[in-house]
Protein backbone atom coordinates (compact mmCIF):
# COMPACT_ATOMS: atom_id res chain seq x y z
CA UNK A 1 8.26 -15.67 7.15
CA UNK A 2 5.10 -14.05 5.87
CA UNK A 3 1.50 -13.75 7.04
CA UNK A 4 -1.83 -13.78 5.25
CA UNK A 5 -4.51 -11.45 6.59
CA UNK A 6 -7.97 -12.92 7.18
CA UNK A 7 -11.08 -11.09 8.34
CA UNK A 8 -13.62 -12.30 10.92
CA UNK A 9 -16.78 -10.54 12.11
CA UNK A 10 -17.32 -10.63 15.86
CA UNK A 11 -21.11 -10.41 15.73
CA UNK A 12 -22.83 -9.51 19.05
CA UNK A 13 -25.44 -12.27 18.64
CA UNK A 14 -23.97 -14.84 16.27
CA UNK A 15 -20.42 -14.83 17.60
CA UNK A 16 -17.32 -15.04 15.44
CA UNK A 17 -18.25 -15.38 11.76
CA UNK A 18 -15.92 -16.53 9.02
CA UNK A 19 -15.69 -14.65 5.72
CA UNK A 20 -17.89 -17.20 3.94
CA UNK A 21 -20.80 -15.95 6.07
CA UNK A 22 -20.61 -12.26 5.16
CA UNK A 23 -18.27 -11.63 2.20
CA UNK A 24 -20.89 -12.79 -0.39
CA UNK A 25 -23.40 -10.34 1.13
CA UNK A 26 -20.79 -7.58 1.10
CA UNK A 27 -20.06 -8.28 -2.57
CA UNK A 28 -23.75 -8.26 -3.55
CA UNK A 29 -24.40 -5.01 -1.69
CA UNK A 30 -21.24 -3.21 -2.78
CA UNK A 31 -19.98 -2.99 0.80
CA UNK A 32 -17.00 -5.11 -0.22
CA UNK A 33 -15.32 -1.89 -1.38
CA UNK A 34 -15.10 -0.15 2.04
CA UNK A 35 -14.69 -3.49 3.85
CA UNK A 36 -11.89 -4.61 1.56
CA UNK A 37 -10.12 -1.28 1.87
CA UNK A 38 -10.39 -1.46 5.67
CA UNK A 39 -8.91 -4.98 5.69
CA UNK A 40 -6.07 -3.85 3.43
CA UNK A 41 -5.29 -0.83 5.60
CA UNK A 42 -5.52 -2.79 8.87
CA UNK A 43 -3.18 -5.46 7.50
CA UNK A 44 -0.65 -2.92 6.23
CA UNK A 45 -0.75 -0.96 9.49
CA UNK A 46 -0.09 -4.16 11.46
CA UNK A 47 2.76 -5.15 9.15
CA UNK A 48 4.27 -1.68 9.57
CA UNK A 49 4.00 -2.06 13.38
CA UNK A 50 5.82 -5.41 13.21
CA UNK A 51 8.48 -3.82 11.02
CA UNK A 52 8.97 -1.05 13.58
CA UNK A 53 9.41 -3.74 16.25
CA UNK A 54 12.32 -5.23 14.33
CA UNK A 55 10.68 -7.79 12.02
CA UNK A 56 11.91 -5.98 8.95
CA UNK A 57 11.28 -8.79 6.44
CA UNK A 58 7.82 -9.90 7.59
CA UNK A 59 5.45 -9.48 4.63
CA UNK A 60 1.66 -9.51 4.62
CA UNK A 61 -0.67 -10.96 1.97
CA UNK A 62 -4.20 -9.65 1.43
CA UNK A 63 -6.90 -11.19 -0.76
CA UNK A 64 -8.72 -9.12 -3.37
CA UNK A 65 -12.03 -10.00 -5.03
CA UNK A 66 -13.29 -9.36 -8.54
CA UNK A 67 -15.97 -7.00 -7.18
CA UNK A 68 -13.32 -4.73 -5.70
CA UNK A 69 -11.82 -4.28 -9.16
CA UNK A 70 -15.29 -3.53 -10.55
CA UNK A 71 -16.17 -0.97 -7.87
CA UNK A 72 -12.84 0.79 -7.29
CA UNK A 73 -9.66 1.89 -8.98
CA UNK A 74 -7.58 -0.60 -7.01
CA UNK A 75 -4.26 0.95 -7.95
CA UNK A 76 -5.40 4.23 -6.35
CA UNK A 77 -6.69 2.34 -3.29
CA UNK A 78 -3.40 0.48 -2.81
CA UNK A 79 -1.34 3.64 -3.32
CA UNK A 80 -3.43 5.48 -0.72
CA UNK A 81 -3.15 2.70 1.86
CA UNK A 82 0.62 2.46 1.44
CA UNK A 83 0.94 6.22 1.78
CA UNK A 84 -1.19 6.36 4.95
CA UNK A 85 0.41 3.38 6.68
CA UNK A 86 4.01 3.90 5.61
CA UNK A 87 4.49 0.20 4.78
CA UNK A 88 7.18 -0.39 2.15
CA UNK A 89 5.46 -1.73 -0.99
CA UNK A 90 7.82 -4.71 -1.10
CA UNK A 91 6.24 -6.05 2.11
CA UNK A 92 2.72 -6.17 0.66
CA UNK A 93 1.44 -9.06 -1.43
CA UNK A 94 -1.97 -9.06 -3.09
CA UNK A 95 -3.67 -12.39 -3.80
CA UNK A 96 -6.13 -12.84 -6.64
CA UNK A 97 -8.15 -15.92 -7.45
CA UNK A 98 -7.10 -17.94 -10.46
CA UNK A 99 -10.33 -17.09 -12.31
CA UNK A 100 -9.85 -13.35 -11.73
CA UNK A 101 -6.18 -13.23 -12.66
CA UNK A 102 -6.48 -15.36 -15.80
CA UNK A 103 -9.78 -14.20 -17.28
CA UNK A 104 -7.99 -12.03 -19.84
CA UNK A 105 -9.57 -8.75 -18.71
CA UNK A 106 -7.38 -5.95 -20.05
CA UNK A 107 -8.57 -3.42 -17.44
CA UNK A 108 -7.55 -5.77 -14.62
CA UNK A 109 -4.25 -6.39 -16.37
CA UNK A 110 -3.53 -2.65 -16.54
CA UNK A 111 -4.45 -2.21 -12.87
CA UNK A 112 -2.13 -5.04 -11.86
CA UNK A 113 0.64 -3.51 -13.95
CA UNK A 114 0.22 -0.22 -12.07
CA UNK A 115 0.17 -1.92 -8.66
CA UNK A 116 3.19 -4.04 -9.52
CA UNK A 117 5.05 -0.89 -10.59
CA UNK A 118 4.73 0.38 -6.99
CA UNK A 119 6.84 -2.59 -5.87
CA UNK A 120 3.86 -4.58 -4.53
CA UNK A 121 3.96 -8.35 -5.18
CA UNK A 122 1.04 -10.15 -6.81
CA UNK A 123 0.08 -13.81 -6.40
CA UNK A 124 -2.46 -16.18 -7.95
CA UNK A 125 -4.36 -17.96 -5.17
CA UNK A 126 -5.87 -21.48 -5.27
CA UNK A 127 -3.95 -22.24 -8.44
CA UNK A 128 -4.87 -25.38 -10.34
CA UNK A 129 -8.58 -25.59 -9.52
CA UNK A 130 -9.75 -23.84 -12.70
CA UNK A 131 -9.11 -24.18 -16.39
CA UNK A 132 -6.14 -21.86 -16.52
CA UNK A 133 -4.98 -19.86 -19.50
CA UNK A 134 -1.36 -20.83 -18.94
CA UNK A 135 -0.12 -18.77 -21.87
CA UNK A 136 -1.76 -15.65 -20.44
CA UNK A 137 -0.25 -16.34 -17.01
CA UNK A 138 3.23 -15.69 -18.37
CA UNK A 139 2.24 -12.22 -19.54
CA UNK A 140 0.86 -11.03 -16.19
CA UNK A 141 2.79 -9.08 -13.52
CA UNK A 142 2.63 -12.08 -11.17
CA UNK A 143 5.38 -13.04 -8.73
CA UNK A 144 3.94 -16.16 -7.14
CA UNK A 145 1.38 -18.94 -7.48
CA UNK A 146 -0.23 -20.75 -4.54
CA UNK A 147 -0.94 -24.45 -5.08
CA UNK A 148 -4.49 -25.15 -3.95
CA UNK A 149 -4.81 -27.19 -0.77
CA UNK A 150 -7.06 -29.71 -2.52
CA UNK A 151 -3.93 -31.07 -4.23
CA UNK A 152 -1.66 -30.82 -1.20
CA UNK A 153 -4.10 -32.59 1.13
CA UNK A 154 -4.03 -35.72 -1.05
CA UNK A 155 -0.26 -36.08 -1.06
CA UNK A 156 0.76 -39.10 0.98
CA UNK A 157 -1.78 -41.48 2.48
CA UNK A 158 -4.40 -42.50 -0.05
CA UNK A 159 -2.74 -40.64 -2.92
CA UNK A 160 -3.36 -42.48 -6.19
CA UNK A 161 -0.60 -40.46 -7.83
CA UNK A 162 -2.84 -37.90 -9.51
CA UNK A 163 -2.56 -35.21 -6.82
CA UNK A 164 1.20 -35.62 -6.57
CA UNK A 165 1.57 -35.42 -10.34
CA UNK A 166 -0.55 -32.28 -10.52
CA UNK A 167 1.41 -30.63 -7.71
CA UNK A 168 4.70 -31.47 -9.44
CA UNK A 169 3.33 -30.12 -12.72
CA UNK A 170 2.21 -26.83 -11.17
CA UNK A 171 5.58 -26.35 -9.47
CA UNK A 172 7.41 -27.08 -12.73
CA UNK A 173 5.19 -24.69 -14.70
CA UNK A 174 5.66 -21.89 -12.18
CA UNK A 175 9.42 -22.38 -12.14
CA UNK A 176 9.54 -22.30 -15.94
CA UNK A 177 7.79 -18.92 -15.79
CA UNK A 178 10.17 -17.63 -13.12
CA UNK A 179 7.53 -17.61 -10.37
CA UNK A 180 7.80 -18.57 -6.71
CA UNK A 181 5.52 -21.36 -5.46
CA UNK A 182 3.57 -21.57 -2.20
CA UNK A 183 1.79 -24.77 -1.14
CA UNK A 184 -1.39 -24.25 0.88
CA UNK A 185 -2.88 -26.65 3.40
CA UNK A 186 0.30 -28.44 4.50
CA UNK A 187 -0.61 -30.57 7.53
CA UNK A 188 2.11 -33.19 7.94
CA UNK A 189 5.81 -33.77 7.46
CA UNK A 190 5.29 -36.20 4.58
CA UNK A 191 3.70 -33.40 2.55
CA UNK A 192 6.45 -31.02 3.65
CA UNK A 193 9.23 -33.36 2.53
CA UNK A 194 7.50 -34.07 -0.80
CA UNK A 195 7.08 -30.38 -1.59
CA UNK A 196 10.62 -29.56 -0.53
CA UNK A 197 12.03 -32.35 -2.69
CA UNK A 198 10.18 -30.99 -5.73
CA UNK A 199 11.31 -27.38 -5.40
CA UNK A 200 8.40 -25.67 -3.64
CA UNK A 201 9.55 -22.33 -2.18
CA UNK A 202 7.10 -21.64 0.64
CA UNK A 203 4.69 -23.54 2.85
CA UNK A 204 1.43 -22.54 4.51
CA UNK A 205 -0.78 -24.72 6.68
CA UNK A 206 -1.69 -26.22 10.03
CA UNK A 207 1.67 -28.00 10.30
CA UNK A 208 3.03 -24.58 11.26
CA UNK A 209 0.03 -22.70 12.59
CA UNK A 210 -3.72 -22.35 12.51
CA UNK A 211 -5.00 -18.78 11.98
CA UNK A 212 -4.08 -16.55 14.92
CA UNK A 213 -5.05 -13.07 16.12
CA UNK A 214 -2.27 -10.62 15.33
CA UNK A 215 -1.37 -10.20 19.00
CA UNK A 216 -0.79 -13.94 19.45
CA UNK A 217 1.35 -14.07 16.34
CA UNK A 218 3.41 -11.19 17.71
CA UNK A 219 3.89 -13.15 20.93
CA UNK A 220 5.13 -16.16 18.97
CA UNK A 221 7.54 -13.97 17.08
CA UNK A 222 8.92 -12.56 20.31
CA UNK A 223 9.29 -16.07 21.74
CA UNK A 224 11.09 -17.11 18.54
CA UNK A 225 8.59 -19.90 17.95
CA UNK A 226 8.48 -18.29 14.53
CA UNK A 227 11.73 -16.88 13.20
CA UNK A 228 11.58 -13.59 11.29
CA UNK A 229 14.77 -14.61 9.54
CA UNK A 230 15.82 -17.95 8.07
CA UNK A 231 13.30 -20.75 8.52
CA UNK A 232 13.94 -23.68 10.86
CA UNK A 233 12.78 -26.33 8.42
CA UNK A 234 15.52 -26.09 5.84
CA UNK A 235 15.59 -23.92 2.74
CA UNK A 236 11.84 -23.35 2.65
CA UNK A 237 10.04 -20.44 4.30
CA UNK A 238 6.68 -20.46 6.01
CA UNK A 239 3.59 -18.32 5.75
CA UNK A 240 1.17 -17.94 8.64
CA UNK A 241 -2.30 -16.48 8.85
CA UNK A 242 -3.22 -13.57 11.09
CA UNK A 243 -6.81 -12.49 11.66
CA UNK A 244 -8.35 -9.04 11.93
CA UNK A 245 -11.74 -8.99 13.64
CA UNK A 246 -14.45 -6.44 12.89
CA UNK A 247 -16.78 -5.52 15.74
CA UNK A 248 -20.52 -4.99 15.29
CA UNK A 249 -22.64 -2.84 15.27
CA UNK A 250 -21.89 -1.79 11.73
CA UNK A 251 -22.75 1.89 12.18
CA UNK A 252 -19.35 2.61 13.71
CA UNK A 253 -16.08 1.97 11.87
CA UNK A 254 -14.68 -1.51 12.48
CA UNK A 255 -11.55 -1.86 14.53
CA UNK A 256 -9.11 -4.66 15.01
CA UNK A 257 -9.28 -6.57 18.23
CA UNK A 258 -8.14 -9.81 19.74
CA UNK A 259 -11.04 -12.20 20.08
CA UNK A 260 -11.16 -15.00 22.61
CA UNK A 261 -13.58 -16.84 20.32
CA UNK A 262 -11.59 -18.77 17.78
CA UNK A 263 -11.53 -22.19 16.24
CA UNK A 264 -10.11 -25.08 18.27
CA UNK A 265 -6.40 -25.72 17.95
CA UNK A 266 -5.74 -22.09 17.09
CA UNK A 267 -2.35 -22.23 18.78
CA UNK A 268 0.68 -22.84 16.61
CA UNK A 269 2.45 -26.14 16.82
CA UNK A 270 6.22 -26.21 16.73
CA UNK A 271 7.25 -28.78 14.10
CA UNK A 272 9.77 -31.46 14.88
CA UNK A 273 13.28 -30.58 13.65
CA UNK A 274 14.07 -31.78 10.16
CA UNK A 275 17.41 -32.12 8.48
CA UNK A 276 17.96 -29.67 5.67
CA UNK A 277 18.78 -31.36 2.39
């Protein structure tokens, strides 16, 4: 089981804001550098706390933006965060957008090489939505690709065959390159069975859980609604999303907190048992 860290801003007047409301402003202003580093450190510190509680194999994924690579030496940032939090590098996964990872920028390539040398895993997020340089993909220090939810959501009812074919093609390409595959946006058992049958390694989506505050995810782990070991749905593993919430006003450092304001249906659903193939 793994988690993906998301950030929300608990604004005193506007309420809980998603990243689409403030990340673009942070990128334009340059504040994405300190904000991104705070998110990375908060996520690693939480993962280290879970590890200390006995969930030794629970990894955390954190998204990085192109602006962070422009503004900071990201290999130094990652090394510093790992040193301060004590999280083993193997439990951290950094996600880059397809356009960032495959743009052919040599400086980014060298930075990823350095980060990967620490033992940190790297993944290409939202894979398949751009015009990928597939040849370049095989030369990058990438461990995993994440199939974009726009393909997964069309599998099943109303699928004209195109989405399924694209998903199968992405899985086959990744496997040929020796990469693991995660499918995003899985919402029903038909999609789950399809992806399992075609060799997908990991699943992420509302079938397993909506985004949860870290404290609620910890409660689910303790109740064994989520297993820190082998998955309950056969050979595949699941990835959930945990949220870190920044408090306003901005003049004091943000801290993580559990917010009572969250999207409807934010509680995980326990899937019906399936027979392993």
